[in-house]
Amino acid sequence: MIGVEMVSFFGKSDLGKNQSNNEDAFIAQSIWDDQVVLAAAIDGVGGYEGGEIAASIAEQTIVEYLNNFPNGERADLIKQAVVEANNAINIKRVEDGKHPNMSCVMTAVLVDIKNGFLHMAHIGDTRLYQYTDGKITKLSHDHSLVGYREEIGELTEEEAMNHPQRNVIGRDAGSQYLDINTDLVETASFPLQSDSTYILCSDGLSDMLTSSMMVEILNSNSNTEEKVNALIDKANEEGGKDNITVVLIDYTGPTTIVQEPPFADKEETSSNAEQEEKEDEMGNEQEDKIEDKQKIIKEINQEEKQVEMPEEKTHPQQIININLRRLEIILSIIAGILFIIMGILGYFLYLIVS
């Protein structure tokens, strides 16, 4: 475990009970100085070896990128690092050719202790939680149909955990080359809250443990490393169906107070002006929600198409076989016609000779 004055953190990845190799990876370290923590939970996708390679590339690329580019807004840098990791995986799978489906999902954060913010970049169904005052809150959004249905209340937590399409994701890192301005990488910044624990994990944990199970462990007086081990042990007790990766960040510093921007003219702080501002904010929030829903619906439609497409596709070998059968039939017909013609010509030659 590595610690600084107001933060302690620890990460661990476990094979689980049903897997022969670990396709997860994680990052848990200070970066630049003791005032910034870099953490990530990474879950490889693409089958044996392919997912493991993708997760390893993501881990190495994120650390290298941030070490090479320490200057800039923290929120921008963590997104840039995730996009860089995505593109490194995409280039590798195209050039290598051995693992054409390899990719990964990940949640990465920069914890800026000095300025009191946690900055997140996220893609897929790994997760970021915050545990404060006995309550756990999911800060990231699952990029999957089942995860979305759980968030809007169509599925309970237990129903989502046991859903057959739980692991059908709409976004991943590596499938396509991304521009830095992409919307596929979810980003957000959260003010740090005193006496809080931030949890990054793969679905090997979130698919095994309910929120109440996590709270029971996080509420203990154990240190950061002990809580990580307890979460992994509990996930294995519940079945350990997948690799299990957990990174915990315990923050004991002060709560960050987000200052509201001052009014341009103090005389405009009348009740009418305040009411108009509230109405404008509500309208903007409603428009944002509509846009978010439209984006999510579009993603859901794409996911449904991805699930249905394999049943509609025809294998290339089947097409070849069909064409060969057609060719055989055509050749048989031509041969039959030629045989008849030759018979007729032979009959006429016989008449002429006779």
Protein backbone atom coordinates (compact mmCIF):
# COMPACT_ATOMS: atom_id res chain seq x y z
CA MET A 1 0.00 0.00 0.00
CA ILE A 2 1.25 3.48 -0.86
CA GLY A 3 0.01 6.42 1.15
CA VAL A 4 0.21 10.20 1.26
CA GLU A 5 -0.93 12.54 4.00
CA MET A 6 -4.66 12.57 3.19
CA VAL A 7 -4.96 9.55 0.91
CA SER A 8 -4.20 5.86 1.09
CA PHE A 9 -4.76 3.51 -1.82
CA PHE A 10 -4.30 -0.09 -2.79
CA GLY A 11 -5.11 -2.24 -5.83
CA LYS A 12 -5.24 -5.95 -6.53
CA SER A 13 -6.37 -8.30 -9.31
CA ASP A 14 -7.43 -11.91 -8.67
CA LEU A 15 -7.91 -14.82 -11.07
CA GLY A 16 -11.30 -15.79 -9.67
CA LYS A 17 -12.52 -19.37 -9.46
CA ASN A 18 -13.56 -20.16 -13.03
CA GLN A 19 -10.84 -18.59 -15.18
CA SER A 20 -7.56 -20.06 -16.41
CA ASN A 21 -5.87 -16.69 -17.05
CA ASN A 22 -6.30 -13.14 -15.79
CA GLU A 23 -7.41 -10.64 -18.44
CA ASP A 24 -7.73 -7.80 -15.90
CA ALA A 25 -5.17 -5.16 -14.99
CA PHE A 26 -5.06 -2.19 -12.64
CA ILE A 27 -3.13 0.97 -11.83
CA ALA A 28 -2.67 2.36 -8.31
CA GLN A 29 0.18 4.83 -7.90
CA SER A 30 1.19 8.41 -7.29
CA ILE A 31 2.08 10.34 -10.42
CA TRP A 32 4.10 13.56 -10.89
CA ASP A 33 4.17 14.17 -7.12
CA ASP A 34 2.52 13.06 -3.89
CA GLN A 35 -0.48 15.30 -4.55
CA VAL A 36 -1.90 13.30 -7.48
CA VAL A 37 -3.01 9.67 -7.51
CA LEU A 38 -3.54 7.69 -10.71
CA ALA A 39 -5.84 4.67 -10.50
CA ALA A 40 -7.58 2.44 -13.01
CA ALA A 41 -9.51 -0.82 -13.27
CA ILE A 42 -9.10 -2.50 -16.67
CA ASP A 43 -10.97 -5.57 -17.95
CA GLY A 44 -9.73 -7.28 -21.11
CA VAL A 45 -12.14 -8.41 -23.83
CA GLY A 46 -11.54 -10.80 -26.70
CA GLY A 47 -10.96 -14.25 -25.32
CA TYR A 48 -7.89 -16.08 -24.14
CA GLU A 49 -4.69 -13.98 -24.43
CA GLY A 50 -6.34 -11.26 -26.55
CA GLY A 51 -8.03 -9.56 -23.61
CA GLU A 52 -4.94 -9.96 -21.47
CA ILE A 53 -2.80 -8.23 -24.12
CA ALA A 54 -5.30 -5.39 -24.52
CA ALA A 55 -5.46 -4.79 -20.76
CA SER A 56 -1.67 -4.77 -20.51
CA ILE A 57 -1.38 -2.27 -23.39
CA ALA A 58 -3.94 0.01 -21.72
CA GLU A 59 -2.14 -0.10 -18.37
CA GLN A 60 1.27 0.70 -19.87
CA THR A 61 0.00 3.36 -22.27
CA ILE A 62 -1.93 5.33 -19.65
CA VAL A 63 1.06 5.50 -17.28
CA GLU A 64 3.54 6.35 -20.06
CA TYR A 65 1.31 9.04 -21.57
CA LEU A 66 0.75 10.83 -18.27
CA ASN A 67 4.43 10.63 -17.36
CA ASN A 68 5.31 12.19 -20.72
CA PHE A 69 2.64 14.89 -20.61
CA PRO A 70 2.31 16.22 -17.04
CA ASN A 71 1.11 19.70 -17.99
CA GLY A 72 -2.51 20.56 -18.66
CA GLU A 73 -5.94 20.31 -17.14
CA ARG A 74 -6.21 17.08 -15.16
CA ALA A 75 -9.65 16.28 -16.60
CA ASP A 76 -8.30 16.62 -20.14
CA LEU A 77 -5.16 14.60 -19.44
CA ILE A 78 -6.95 11.51 -18.10
CA LYS A 79 -9.25 11.45 -21.13
CA GLN A 80 -6.30 11.88 -23.47
CA ALA A 81 -4.51 8.98 -21.78
CA VAL A 82 -7.54 6.68 -22.20
CA VAL A 83 -7.94 7.67 -25.85
CA GLU A 84 -4.22 7.04 -26.39
CA ALA A 85 -4.62 3.57 -24.83
CA ASN A 86 -7.61 2.87 -27.07
CA ASN A 87 -5.65 3.78 -30.18
CA ALA A 88 -2.61 1.75 -29.12
CA ILE A 89 -4.82 -1.34 -28.78
CA ASN A 90 -6.50 -0.65 -32.12
CA ILE A 91 -3.16 -0.32 -33.92
CA LYS A 92 -1.85 -3.51 -32.30
CA ARG A 93 -4.89 -5.61 -33.25
CA VAL A 94 -4.78 -4.36 -36.86
CA GLU A 95 -1.03 -4.79 -37.33
CA ASP A 96 -0.69 -8.04 -35.40
CA GLY A 97 -3.70 -9.86 -36.83
CA LYS A 98 -3.47 -12.67 -34.25
CA HIS A 99 -6.15 -11.24 -31.97
CA PRO A 100 -8.63 -9.37 -34.23
CA ASN A 101 -11.24 -9.04 -31.48
CA MET A 102 -9.06 -7.90 -28.60
CA SER A 103 -10.15 -4.82 -26.68
CA CYS A 104 -10.85 -3.82 -23.11
CA VAL A 105 -13.09 -1.73 -20.90
CA MET A 106 -11.69 0.60 -18.27
CA THR A 107 -12.31 3.24 -15.66
CA ALA A 108 -9.37 5.55 -14.92
CA VAL A 109 -9.12 8.45 -12.49
CA LEU A 110 -6.74 11.20 -11.45
CA VAL A 111 -7.23 12.23 -7.83
CA ASP A 112 -5.99 15.81 -7.51
CA ILE A 113 -5.52 16.14 -3.74
CA LYS A 114 -4.26 19.71 -3.80
CA ASN A 115 -7.25 21.04 -5.75
CA GLY A 116 -9.76 18.63 -4.23
CA PHE A 117 -11.14 16.88 -7.31
CA LEU A 118 -11.35 13.40 -8.79
CA HIS A 119 -11.33 13.35 -12.61
CA MET A 120 -12.68 10.26 -14.39
CA ALA A 121 -12.43 8.83 -17.91
CA HIS A 122 -14.48 5.70 -18.48
CA ILE A 123 -15.53 3.33 -21.24
CA GLY A 124 -17.43 0.03 -20.90
CA ASP A 125 -18.77 -1.65 -17.76
CA THR A 126 -15.97 -1.33 -15.24
CA ARG A 127 -17.16 0.92 -12.44
CA LEU A 128 -16.37 3.84 -10.14
CA TYR A 129 -18.19 4.05 -6.80
CA GLN A 130 -18.06 6.51 -3.93
CA TYR A 131 -18.69 5.35 -0.37
CA THR A 132 -19.53 8.11 2.13
CA ASP A 133 -21.40 8.06 5.46
CA GLY A 134 -22.52 4.46 5.07
CA LYS A 135 -23.89 4.95 1.55
CA ILE A 136 -22.45 3.76 -1.76
CA THR A 137 -23.07 5.66 -5.01
CA LYS A 138 -22.15 4.59 -8.53
CA LEU A 139 -20.46 7.53 -10.26
CA SER A 140 -19.82 5.91 -13.65
CA HIS A 141 -22.44 4.66 -16.13
CA ASP A 142 -22.38 1.17 -17.62
CA HIS A 143 -22.21 1.33 -21.40
CA SER A 144 -24.57 -1.59 -21.82
CA LEU A 145 -28.28 -2.14 -22.29
CA VAL A 146 -28.66 -4.06 -19.03
CA GLY A 147 -26.70 -1.44 -17.10
CA TYR A 148 -28.88 1.33 -18.49
CA ARG A 149 -32.07 -0.54 -17.63
CA GLU A 150 -30.79 -0.99 -14.09
CA GLU A 151 -30.00 2.72 -13.76
CA ILE A 152 -33.48 3.83 -14.85
CA GLY A 153 -35.15 1.29 -12.58
CA GLU A 154 -36.42 -1.23 -15.13
CA LEU A 155 -34.27 -3.91 -13.50
CA THR A 156 -33.35 -4.39 -9.87
CA GLU A 157 -29.70 -4.74 -8.93
CA GLU A 158 -30.11 -8.51 -8.49
CA GLU A 159 -31.98 -8.89 -11.80
CA ALA A 160 -29.24 -7.00 -13.62
CA MET A 161 -26.50 -9.07 -11.97
CA ASN A 162 -28.14 -12.29 -13.20
CA HIS A 163 -29.29 -11.08 -16.63
CA PRO A 164 -28.06 -13.26 -19.56
CA GLN A 165 -26.96 -10.15 -21.50
CA ARG A 166 -25.22 -8.53 -18.55
CA ASN A 167 -21.85 -8.52 -20.33
CA VAL A 168 -23.06 -7.31 -23.74
CA ILE A 169 -21.35 -3.92 -23.94
CA GLY A 170 -21.97 -1.03 -26.32
CA ARG A 171 -18.51 0.56 -26.06
CA ASP A 172 -14.97 -0.69 -25.60
CA ALA A 173 -11.39 0.48 -26.02
CA GLY A 174 -9.67 -0.87 -29.11
CA SER A 175 -12.43 -1.67 -31.60
CA GLN A 176 -11.97 1.60 -33.47
CA TYR A 177 -9.47 4.42 -33.70
CA LEU A 178 -10.73 7.44 -31.78
CA ASP A 179 -10.24 11.18 -32.11
CA ILE A 180 -9.39 13.08 -28.95
CA ASN A 181 -12.78 14.85 -29.13
CA THR A 182 -14.73 11.57 -29.11
CA ASP A 183 -17.89 11.28 -27.02
CA LEU A 184 -17.42 7.52 -26.59
CA VAL A 185 -15.19 8.09 -23.56
CA GLU A 186 -17.32 9.20 -20.63
CA THR A 187 -15.72 11.95 -18.55
CA ALA A 188 -16.69 13.61 -15.28
CA SER A 189 -15.13 15.50 -12.38
CA PHE A 190 -16.23 15.07 -8.76
CA PRO A 191 -15.34 17.22 -5.72
CA LEU A 192 -13.58 15.12 -3.09
CA GLN A 193 -15.60 14.48 0.06
CA SER A 194 -14.01 13.98 3.44
CA ASP A 195 -13.84 10.47 4.91
CA SER A 196 -14.84 8.86 1.62
CA THR A 197 -13.70 5.74 -0.19
CA TYR A 198 -13.55 5.63 -3.99
CA ILE A 199 -13.82 2.16 -5.51
CA LEU A 200 -12.75 1.18 -9.03
CA CYS A 201 -13.57 -2.38 -10.04
CA SER A 202 -14.13 -4.82 -12.87
CA ASP A 203 -17.44 -6.64 -13.30
CA GLY A 204 -15.86 -9.62 -11.57
CA LEU A 205 -16.69 -7.74 -8.37
CA SER A 206 -19.90 -5.90 -9.30
CA ASP A 207 -21.47 -9.01 -10.83
CA MET A 208 -20.85 -10.98 -7.61
CA LEU A 209 -21.54 -8.49 -4.82
CA THR A 210 -24.58 -6.33 -4.26
CA SER A 211 -24.14 -2.78 -3.03
CA SER A 212 -25.18 -3.81 0.48
CA MET A 213 -22.48 -6.51 0.53
CA MET A 214 -19.87 -3.92 -0.45
CA VAL A 215 -21.11 -1.48 2.20
CA GLU A 216 -20.78 -4.11 4.92
CA ILE A 217 -17.08 -4.54 4.08
CA LEU A 218 -16.35 -0.85 3.46
CA ASN A 219 -17.97 0.07 6.78
CA SER A 220 -15.41 -1.95 8.74
CA ASN A 221 -12.45 -0.48 10.59
CA SER A 222 -10.00 -2.36 8.35
CA ASN A 223 -7.26 -0.53 6.48
CA THR A 224 -7.33 0.02 2.72
CA GLU A 225 -5.44 -3.15 1.78
CA GLU A 226 -7.52 -5.31 4.11
CA LYS A 227 -10.75 -3.98 2.61
CA VAL A 228 -9.53 -4.75 -0.94
CA ASN A 229 -8.70 -8.31 0.09
CA ALA A 230 -12.04 -8.69 1.87
CA LEU A 231 -13.98 -7.55 -1.22
CA ILE A 232 -12.11 -10.00 -3.46
CA ASP A 233 -12.51 -12.86 -0.96
CA LYS A 234 -16.25 -12.19 -0.71
CA ALA A 235 -16.62 -12.16 -4.52
CA ASN A 236 -14.89 -15.53 -4.67
CA GLU A 237 -17.17 -16.84 -1.93
CA GLU A 238 -20.16 -15.79 -4.05
CA GLY A 239 -18.87 -17.76 -7.05
CA GLY A 240 -15.85 -15.90 -8.45
CA LYS A 241 -17.12 -16.36 -12.01
CA ASP A 242 -14.68 -13.87 -13.56
CA ASN A 243 -11.39 -12.15 -12.85
CA ILE A 244 -11.80 -9.75 -9.93
CA THR A 245 -10.03 -6.40 -9.84
CA VAL A 246 -10.43 -3.78 -7.11
CA VAL A 247 -8.69 -0.47 -6.42
CA LEU A 248 -9.63 1.49 -3.29
CA ILE A 249 -8.76 5.11 -2.55
CA ASP A 250 -9.43 6.25 1.03
CA TYR A 251 -9.59 10.04 1.31
CA THR A 252 -9.49 11.73 4.72
CA GLY A 253 -8.84 15.31 3.63
CA PRO A 254 -11.35 18.18 3.68
CA THR A 255 -14.49 18.25 1.58
CA THR A 256 -14.13 20.41 -1.52
CA ILE A 257 -16.60 23.29 -1.54
CA VAL A 258 -17.61 24.17 -5.08
CA GLN A 259 -18.00 27.95 -5.27
CA GLU A 260 -20.91 29.31 -7.26
CA PRO A 261 -19.90 32.00 -9.81
CA PRO A 262 -20.74 35.53 -8.58
CA PHE A 263 -23.50 37.54 -10.21
CA ALA A 264 -22.37 40.08 -12.82
CA ASP A 265 -24.60 42.70 -11.21
CA LYS A 266 -25.57 42.28 -7.55
CA GLU A 267 -28.71 44.34 -8.13
CA GLU A 268 -30.07 41.48 -10.25
CA THR A 269 -30.41 39.16 -7.24
CA SER A 270 -34.10 39.88 -6.81
CA SER A 271 -36.56 37.03 -6.43
CA ASN A 272 -37.72 37.44 -10.03
CA ALA A 273 -34.19 37.15 -11.41
CA GLU A 274 -33.53 34.09 -9.26
CA GLN A 275 -36.75 32.47 -10.45
CA GLU A 276 -35.87 33.09 -14.09
CA GLU A 277 -32.41 31.62 -13.55
CA LYS A 278 -33.88 28.51 -11.94
CA GLU A 279 -36.30 28.09 -14.83
CA ASP A 280 -33.46 28.43 -17.33
CA GLU A 281 -31.40 25.85 -15.44
CA MET A 282 -34.34 23.45 -15.32
CA GLY A 283 -34.89 23.92 -19.04
CA ASN A 284 -31.22 23.30 -19.79
CA GLU A 285 -31.19 20.21 -17.57
CA GLN A 286 -34.29 18.88 -19.32
CA GLU A 287 -32.68 19.43 -22.73
CA ASP A 288 -29.52 17.67 -21.53
CA LYS A 289 -31.56 14.73 -20.24
CA ILE A 290 -33.40 14.44 -23.56
CA GLU A 291 -30.11 14.51 -25.47
CA ASP A 292 -28.64 11.89 -23.11
CA LYS A 293 -31.66 9.65 -23.56
CA GLN A 294 -31.47 9.99 -27.33
CA LYS A 295 -27.79 9.02 -27.24
CA ILE A 296 -28.51 6.04 -25.00
CA ILE A 297 -31.44 4.88 -27.16
CA LYS A 298 -29.17 5.08 -30.21
CA GLU A 299 -26.56 2.98 -28.40
CA ILE A 300 -29.22 0.46 -27.34
CA ASN A 301 -30.42 0.10 -30.93
CA GLN A 302 -26.84 -0.45 -32.04
CA GLU A 303 -26.32 -3.05 -29.31
CA GLU A 304 -29.50 -4.89 -30.30
CA LYS A 305 -28.33 -4.93 -33.90
CA GLN A 306 -24.97 -6.29 -32.79
CA VAL A 307 -26.68 -9.07 -30.90
CA GLU A 308 -29.00 -9.97 -33.78
CA MET A 309 -26.55 -9.65 -36.67
CA PRO A 310 -24.69 -12.97 -36.17
CA GLU A 311 -27.97 -14.87 -36.68
CA GLU A 312 -28.58 -13.07 -39.99
CA LYS A 313 -25.07 -13.35 -41.40
CA THR A 314 -24.24 -16.04 -43.92
CA HIS A 315 -20.86 -17.68 -43.64
CA PRO A 316 -18.64 -17.17 -46.77
CA GLN A 317 -18.13 -20.93 -47.14
CA GLN A 318 -21.88 -21.41 -47.38
CA ILE A 319 -22.01 -18.92 -50.25
CA ILE A 320 -19.21 -20.78 -52.05
CA ASN A 321 -20.98 -24.12 -51.64
CA ILE A 322 -24.24 -22.68 -52.96
CA ASN A 323 -22.50 -21.23 -56.02
CA LEU A 324 -20.72 -24.52 -56.71
CA ARG A 325 -24.01 -26.42 -56.63
CA ARG A 326 -25.54 -23.91 -59.02
CA LEU A 327 -22.55 -24.29 -61.36
CA GLU A 328 -22.86 -28.08 -61.28
CA ILE A 329 -26.54 -27.87 -62.22
CA ILE A 330 -25.83 -25.46 -65.10
CA LEU A 331 -23.01 -27.67 -66.43
CA SER A 332 -25.26 -30.73 -66.25
CA ILE A 333 -27.94 -28.97 -68.26
CA ILE A 334 -25.40 -27.83 -70.89
CA ALA A 335 -23.99 -31.37 -71.12
CA GLY A 336 -27.49 -32.77 -71.62
CA ILE A 337 -28.24 -30.28 -74.39
CA LEU A 338 -24.95 -31.08 -76.13
CA PHE A 339 -25.70 -34.82 -75.91
CA ILE A 340 -29.09 -34.32 -77.57
CA ILE A 341 -27.55 -32.17 -80.31
CA MET A 342 -24.88 -34.76 -81.01
CA GLY A 343 -27.55 -37.46 -81.19
CA ILE A 344 -29.55 -35.48 -83.72
CA LEU A 345 -26.44 -34.77 -85.84
CA GLY A 346 -25.50 -38.43 -85.77
CA TYR A 347 -28.98 -39.44 -86.94
CA PHE A 348 -28.81 -37.00 -89.91
CA LEU A 349 -25.35 -38.26 -90.89
CA TYR A 350 -26.71 -41.82 -90.83
CA LEU A 351 -29.55 -40.84 -93.20
CA ILE A 352 -27.13 -39.09 -95.58
CA VAL A 353 -24.74 -42.02 -95.71
CA SER A 354 -27.60 -44.45 -96.22
